[in-house]
Protein backbone atom coordinates (compact mmCIF):
# COMPACT_ATOMS: atom_id res chain seq x y z
CA HIS A 1 -16.68 -57.59 14.11
CA GLY A 2 -19.42 -59.83 12.67
CA ALA A 3 -17.95 -59.87 9.29
CA VAL A 4 -17.31 -62.99 7.29
CA ILE A 5 -13.65 -63.59 6.20
CA HIS A 6 -12.93 -65.85 3.36
CA ALA A 7 -9.61 -67.16 2.51
CA ARG A 8 -8.72 -69.07 -0.62
CA VAL A 9 -5.31 -70.58 -1.11
CA ARG A 10 -4.03 -71.92 -4.43
CA GLN A 11 -1.02 -73.90 -5.23
CA ARG A 12 1.25 -72.52 -7.89
CA PRO A 13 3.60 -74.48 -9.97
CA GLY A 14 7.01 -74.42 -7.92
CA ASP A 15 7.99 -70.99 -9.31
CA GLY A 16 10.05 -69.86 -6.36
CA ALA A 17 7.91 -66.66 -5.89
CA GLY A 18 6.85 -67.72 -2.35
CA ILE A 19 3.34 -66.74 -0.87
CA CYS A 20 1.44 -63.89 -2.90
CA PHE A 21 -1.36 -61.94 -1.14
CA LEU A 22 -4.44 -61.13 -3.40
CA ALA A 23 -7.49 -58.79 -2.89
CA GLY A 24 -10.67 -60.68 -3.37
CA ASP A 25 -14.19 -59.05 -3.26
CA GLY A 26 -14.38 -56.50 -0.43
CA VAL A 27 -10.65 -56.17 0.38
CA GLY A 28 -8.91 -52.89 -0.71
CA THR A 29 -5.89 -52.21 -2.89
CA VAL A 30 -3.30 -49.67 -2.07
CA THR A 31 -3.30 -46.63 -4.55
CA LYS A 32 -1.21 -44.17 -2.66
CA PRO A 33 2.35 -44.47 -1.51
CA GLY A 34 3.24 -43.77 2.30
CA LEU A 35 1.35 -47.03 3.70
CA PRO A 36 3.37 -50.14 4.87
CA ILE A 37 2.12 -52.02 1.89
CA PRO A 38 3.40 -50.90 -1.53
CA VAL A 39 1.00 -49.32 -4.21
CA GLY A 40 -0.86 -51.92 -6.18
CA GLU A 41 -0.76 -54.58 -3.38
CA ALA A 42 -3.69 -55.97 -1.45
CA ALA A 43 -4.40 -53.84 1.71
CA ILE A 44 -3.34 -56.86 3.84
CA ASN A 45 -0.93 -55.37 6.40
CA PRO A 46 2.46 -56.79 7.12
CA VAL A 47 1.77 -58.61 10.59
CA PRO A 48 -1.25 -60.52 9.21
CA ARG A 49 0.70 -61.36 6.12
CA ALA A 50 3.52 -62.47 8.12
CA MET A 51 1.23 -64.68 10.53
CA MET A 52 -0.51 -66.52 7.53
CA SER A 53 2.86 -67.02 5.91
CA THR A 54 4.23 -68.57 9.01
CA GLU A 55 1.26 -71.17 9.10
CA LEU A 56 1.46 -71.77 5.54
CA THR A 57 4.99 -72.24 5.25
CA SER A 58 4.99 -74.83 8.12
CA LEU A 59 1.93 -76.53 6.60
CA ALA A 60 3.90 -76.59 2.96
CA ARG A 61 6.89 -77.89 4.79
CA ASP A 62 4.88 -80.83 6.37
CA ALA A 63 3.37 -81.70 3.02
CA GLY A 64 6.81 -81.92 1.38
CA MET A 65 5.79 -79.20 -1.11
CA ALA A 66 7.23 -75.55 -1.93
CA ALA A 67 5.29 -72.82 -0.30
CA ASP A 68 4.46 -71.24 -3.60
CA LEU A 69 1.07 -70.21 -3.06
CA ASP A 70 -1.70 -67.55 -3.67
CA VAL A 71 -3.80 -66.35 -0.73
CA GLU A 72 -6.71 -64.46 -1.76
CA ILE A 73 -8.59 -62.74 1.16
CA SER A 74 -12.24 -61.47 0.47
CA VAL A 75 -14.92 -60.07 2.80
CA PRO A 76 -18.51 -60.02 1.32
CA GLY A 77 -19.78 -56.46 1.77
CA GLY A 78 -16.50 -54.94 2.40
CA LYS A 79 -16.80 -52.37 -0.14
CA LYS A 80 -19.74 -50.88 1.75
CA MET A 81 -18.04 -51.44 4.97
CA ALA A 82 -15.11 -49.25 3.64
CA GLN A 83 -17.14 -46.36 3.43
CA ARG A 84 -17.20 -46.12 7.24
CA THR A 85 -13.61 -46.06 7.39
CA MET A 86 -10.63 -43.95 6.63
CA ASN A 87 -9.76 -46.15 3.63
CA PRO A 88 -10.76 -44.01 0.81
CA ARG A 89 -8.86 -40.93 2.31
CA LEU A 90 -5.86 -43.22 2.61
CA GLY A 91 -6.25 -44.23 -1.11
CA ILE A 92 -7.08 -47.75 -0.22
CA LEU A 93 -9.87 -48.50 -2.69
CA GLY A 94 -12.37 -51.43 -3.32
CA GLY A 95 -12.82 -52.59 0.21
CA ILE A 96 -11.63 -52.79 3.73
CA SER A 97 -8.21 -53.62 5.13
CA ILE A 98 -6.85 -56.54 6.84
CA LEU A 99 -5.27 -55.31 10.09
CA GLY A 100 -4.28 -56.51 13.35
CA THR A 101 -1.61 -57.92 15.40
CA THR A 102 -3.24 -60.47 17.61
CA GLY A 103 -6.25 -61.94 15.76
CA VAL A 104 -8.81 -60.43 18.24
CA VAL A 105 -11.08 -57.73 16.99
CA ILE A 106 -12.10 -54.87 19.10
CA PRO A 107 -15.20 -52.93 17.53
CA TYR A 108 -13.99 -49.73 18.77
CA SER A 109 -10.30 -49.38 19.30
CA CYS A 110 -8.61 -46.14 20.27
CA SER A 111 -5.09 -47.36 19.26
CA ALA A 112 -6.54 -48.42 15.77
CA TRP A 113 -7.84 -44.84 15.40
CA ILE A 114 -4.49 -43.40 16.25
CA ALA A 115 -2.75 -45.87 13.76
CA SER A 116 -5.16 -44.64 10.98
CA ILE A 117 -4.09 -40.96 11.92
CA HIS A 118 -0.43 -41.99 11.50
CA GLN A 119 -1.24 -43.58 8.20
CA GLY A 120 -2.97 -40.63 7.00
CA ILE A 121 0.00 -38.40 7.85
CA ASP A 122 2.36 -40.75 6.05
CA VAL A 123 0.16 -40.79 3.05
CA ALA A 124 0.08 -36.95 2.84
CA ARG A 125 3.94 -36.72 3.47
CA ALA A 126 4.45 -39.17 0.70
CA ALA A 127 2.31 -37.21 -1.66
CA GLY A 128 4.36 -34.31 -0.87
CA LEU A 129 1.58 -32.19 0.98
CA THR A 130 3.10 -29.39 3.11
CA HIS A 131 -0.21 -28.01 4.82
CA LEU A 132 -2.46 -30.42 6.53
CA GLY A 133 -5.64 -30.06 8.17
CA ALA A 134 -6.77 -31.96 11.36
CA ALA A 135 -10.47 -31.45 12.56
CA THR A 136 -12.40 -32.65 15.76
CA GLY A 137 -15.46 -33.48 13.74
CA ARG A 138 -17.23 -33.39 10.21
CA THR A 139 -18.54 -29.84 10.52
CA SER A 140 -15.20 -28.25 11.26
CA GLU A 141 -13.58 -30.48 8.56
CA ALA A 142 -16.02 -29.14 6.14
CA ALA A 143 -15.38 -25.67 7.25
CA LEU A 144 -11.59 -26.26 6.85
CA THR A 145 -12.13 -27.71 3.08
CA ARG A 146 -14.10 -24.62 2.46
CA LYS A 147 -11.60 -22.25 3.67
CA PHE A 148 -8.46 -23.67 2.30
CA GLY A 149 -9.71 -26.06 -0.71
CA PHE A 150 -7.68 -29.12 1.22
CA GLU A 151 -7.70 -32.23 -1.12
CA GLU A 152 -8.78 -35.39 0.81
CA SER A 153 -5.51 -36.64 1.74
CA ALA A 154 -4.63 -33.36 3.41
CA LEU A 155 -7.39 -33.81 6.00
CA ILE A 156 -6.48 -35.86 9.10
CA ASP A 157 -9.36 -37.43 10.67
CA MET A 158 -8.18 -36.39 14.46
CA GLY A 159 -11.38 -36.88 16.34
CA ASP A 160 -10.35 -36.43 20.09
CA PHE A 161 -6.98 -37.64 19.42
CA ALA A 162 -4.99 -34.29 19.36
CA GLY A 163 -2.09 -35.92 21.01
CA GLY A 164 -2.12 -38.68 18.34
CA VAL A 165 -1.71 -36.20 15.65
CA LEU A 166 0.87 -33.78 17.33
CA LYS A 167 3.22 -36.34 18.92
CA TYR A 168 3.54 -38.28 15.46
CA LEU A 169 4.16 -34.91 13.67
CA ARG A 170 6.91 -34.17 16.05
CA ASP A 171 8.89 -37.08 14.48
CA HIS A 172 7.14 -36.72 11.00
CA PRO A 173 6.69 -33.18 10.44
CA VAL A 174 5.00 -31.19 7.69
CA GLU A 175 5.34 -27.36 7.28
CA LYS A 176 2.00 -26.36 8.52
CA LEU A 177 -0.99 -27.84 10.48
CA THR A 178 -4.26 -26.25 10.88
CA ILE A 179 -6.27 -27.64 13.67
CA ALA A 180 -10.04 -27.04 13.70
CA GLY A 181 -13.01 -27.81 16.08
CA GLY A 182 -15.79 -26.49 18.15
CA PHE A 183 -15.07 -24.10 21.19
CA ALA A 184 -15.40 -27.04 23.92
CA LYS A 185 -13.18 -29.31 22.54
CA ILE A 186 -10.40 -26.57 21.42
CA SER A 187 -10.68 -25.27 25.15
CA LYS A 188 -9.63 -28.80 26.32
CA LEU A 189 -6.64 -28.55 24.09
CA ALA A 190 -5.66 -24.88 25.06
CA LYS A 191 -5.69 -26.54 28.56
CA GLY A 192 -3.13 -28.88 27.69
CA HIS A 193 -5.39 -32.06 27.27
CA MET A 194 -4.23 -34.39 24.40
CA ASP A 195 -7.50 -36.64 24.50
CA LEU A 196 -10.43 -34.51 23.99
CA HIS A 197 -12.96 -37.05 24.79
CA SER A 198 -15.70 -36.16 27.66
CA LYS A 199 -14.84 -39.46 29.35
CA ARG A 200 -11.15 -38.62 29.44
CA SER A 201 -10.90 -34.89 29.94
CA GLN A 202 -13.15 -32.24 31.30
CA ILE A 203 -13.62 -28.45 30.41
CA ASP A 204 -12.38 -26.21 33.33
CA MET A 205 -15.14 -23.74 33.55
CA ASP A 206 -13.49 -21.47 36.23
CA TRP A 207 -10.32 -21.27 34.13
CA LEU A 208 -12.21 -20.57 31.00
CA ALA A 209 -14.14 -17.70 32.31
CA HIS A 210 -11.04 -16.11 33.74
CA ILE A 211 -8.41 -16.32 30.77
CA LEU A 212 -9.70 -12.73 29.87
CA PRO A 213 -8.65 -10.69 32.80
CA ASP A 214 -10.72 -7.65 31.92
CA ALA A 215 -13.90 -9.57 31.08
CA LYS A 216 -15.66 -9.06 34.27
CA GLU A 217 -19.09 -10.41 33.02
CA ILE A 218 -17.42 -13.84 31.99
CA ALA A 219 -15.66 -14.01 35.38
CA ASP A 220 -18.86 -13.31 37.17
CA MET A 221 -21.05 -16.04 35.76
CA SER A 222 -18.16 -18.77 36.13
CA THR A 223 -19.95 -20.30 38.92
CA ASP A 224 -23.45 -20.33 37.38
CA VAL A 225 -22.79 -21.93 33.82
CA ASN A 226 -22.91 -25.68 32.79
CA THR A 227 -21.41 -25.47 29.27
CA ALA A 228 -18.59 -23.69 27.56
CA ALA A 229 -21.28 -22.75 24.94
CA GLN A 230 -22.72 -20.51 27.67
CA ILE A 231 -19.65 -18.66 28.41
CA LEU A 232 -18.98 -17.97 24.59
CA ALA A 233 -22.42 -16.85 24.31
CA VAL A 234 -21.81 -14.33 27.03
CA ALA A 235 -18.50 -13.28 25.45
CA GLN A 236 -19.83 -12.83 22.18
CA GLU A 237 -22.69 -10.77 23.50
CA HIS A 238 -20.26 -8.36 25.08
CA GLY A 239 -17.69 -8.38 22.19
CA TYR A 240 -14.89 -9.93 24.19
CA PRO A 241 -12.47 -12.09 21.82
CA LEU A 242 -12.59 -15.16 24.11
CA ALA A 243 -12.77 -17.66 21.22
CA ASN A 244 -9.65 -16.12 19.78
CA ARG A 245 -7.84 -16.25 23.15
CA VAL A 246 -8.82 -19.90 23.28
CA ALA A 247 -7.45 -20.71 20.04
CA GLN A 248 -4.21 -18.82 20.76
CA LEU A 249 -3.85 -20.80 23.82
CA ALA A 250 -4.66 -23.96 21.93
CA ARG A 251 -1.95 -23.22 19.37
CA ASP A 252 0.61 -22.65 22.17
CA SER A 253 -0.42 -26.06 23.61
CA ALA A 254 -0.25 -27.76 20.37
CA ARG A 255 3.29 -26.25 19.51
CA LYS A 256 4.55 -27.30 22.79
CA ILE A 257 3.27 -30.98 22.32
CA CYS A 258 5.00 -31.33 18.88
CA ASP A 259 7.95 -29.47 20.07
CA ASP A 260 7.59 -26.82 17.40
CA ALA A 261 8.40 -28.95 14.66
CA VAL A 262 5.34 -27.82 12.66
CA GLU A 263 3.96 -24.46 12.09
CA ILE A 264 0.55 -24.47 13.73
CA ASP A 265 -2.67 -22.39 13.47
CA VAL A 266 -6.17 -23.11 15.30
CA LEU A 267 -9.67 -22.15 14.24
CA ILE A 268 -12.88 -22.68 16.12
CA PHE A 269 -16.05 -23.20 14.33
CA ASP A 270 -19.65 -23.15 15.54
CA ARG A 271 -22.28 -25.87 14.90
CA ALA A 272 -23.18 -24.14 11.50
CA GLY A 273 -19.48 -24.24 10.50
CA GLU A 274 -19.02 -20.33 10.97
CA LEU A 275 -15.75 -19.11 12.03
CA VAL A 276 -15.82 -17.80 15.58
CA GLY A 277 -12.37 -17.68 16.62
CA SER A 278 -8.80 -17.92 15.34
CA SER A 279 -5.26 -17.97 16.53
CA ASP A 280 -4.22 -15.33 14.28
CA GLY A 281 -7.08 -13.07 15.69
């Protein structure tokens, strides 16, 4: 997405080692197990490696030489770019990763984010971590870290992709997952939505206002409010445990999505990072 990619190919003496990939300036190196590339290798994914190897092997054959080559990929400024990615958390240090299956770069890709979620879970499992935290945003992630003392590898940058986390954990489980987020997004998960983005799921205000059957003040205002925050404010004013109930329903929804493969609890934080609701009450 506007980055310059350099590839330098060097011929080695015919040592039979084939094509080797090296991390040049701005390309990361894998330092943690659990990724599709071994520790110590350049962060160049298997498909790009295969694509480059196919072309270079063909060229070498046409030139009548052995395909014993060093391929060094570098990206000027890649180390700075990597700070805006999940690479440091995944243990990919020194720069960006070379990803992709088609050669076409999409600046924002839902599938790329979900792939990073999967890699984060793989890295955590390979490190032997048994309790992970998945947050919808930075405020709730910081609150999770304060509460549980999570190391960085235990934090999954879920964003809006609750389904991406939970469906992957169904087949790649850990002992426990704590989900954290704001009241509005967690209420979507409570209703069964797996994508929490405003363009792809909406808050059901009427449902939200009626999930506490004895909370008449909340039910009475359901047709007059525009935001979930307004409903929560009224609930808090009257001492109704609405956020706890939403957290409990979100926990039940999450357990259903992952087929009860993982123990799950849900925490709801406000914009200041203060806990306002919990699935354990």
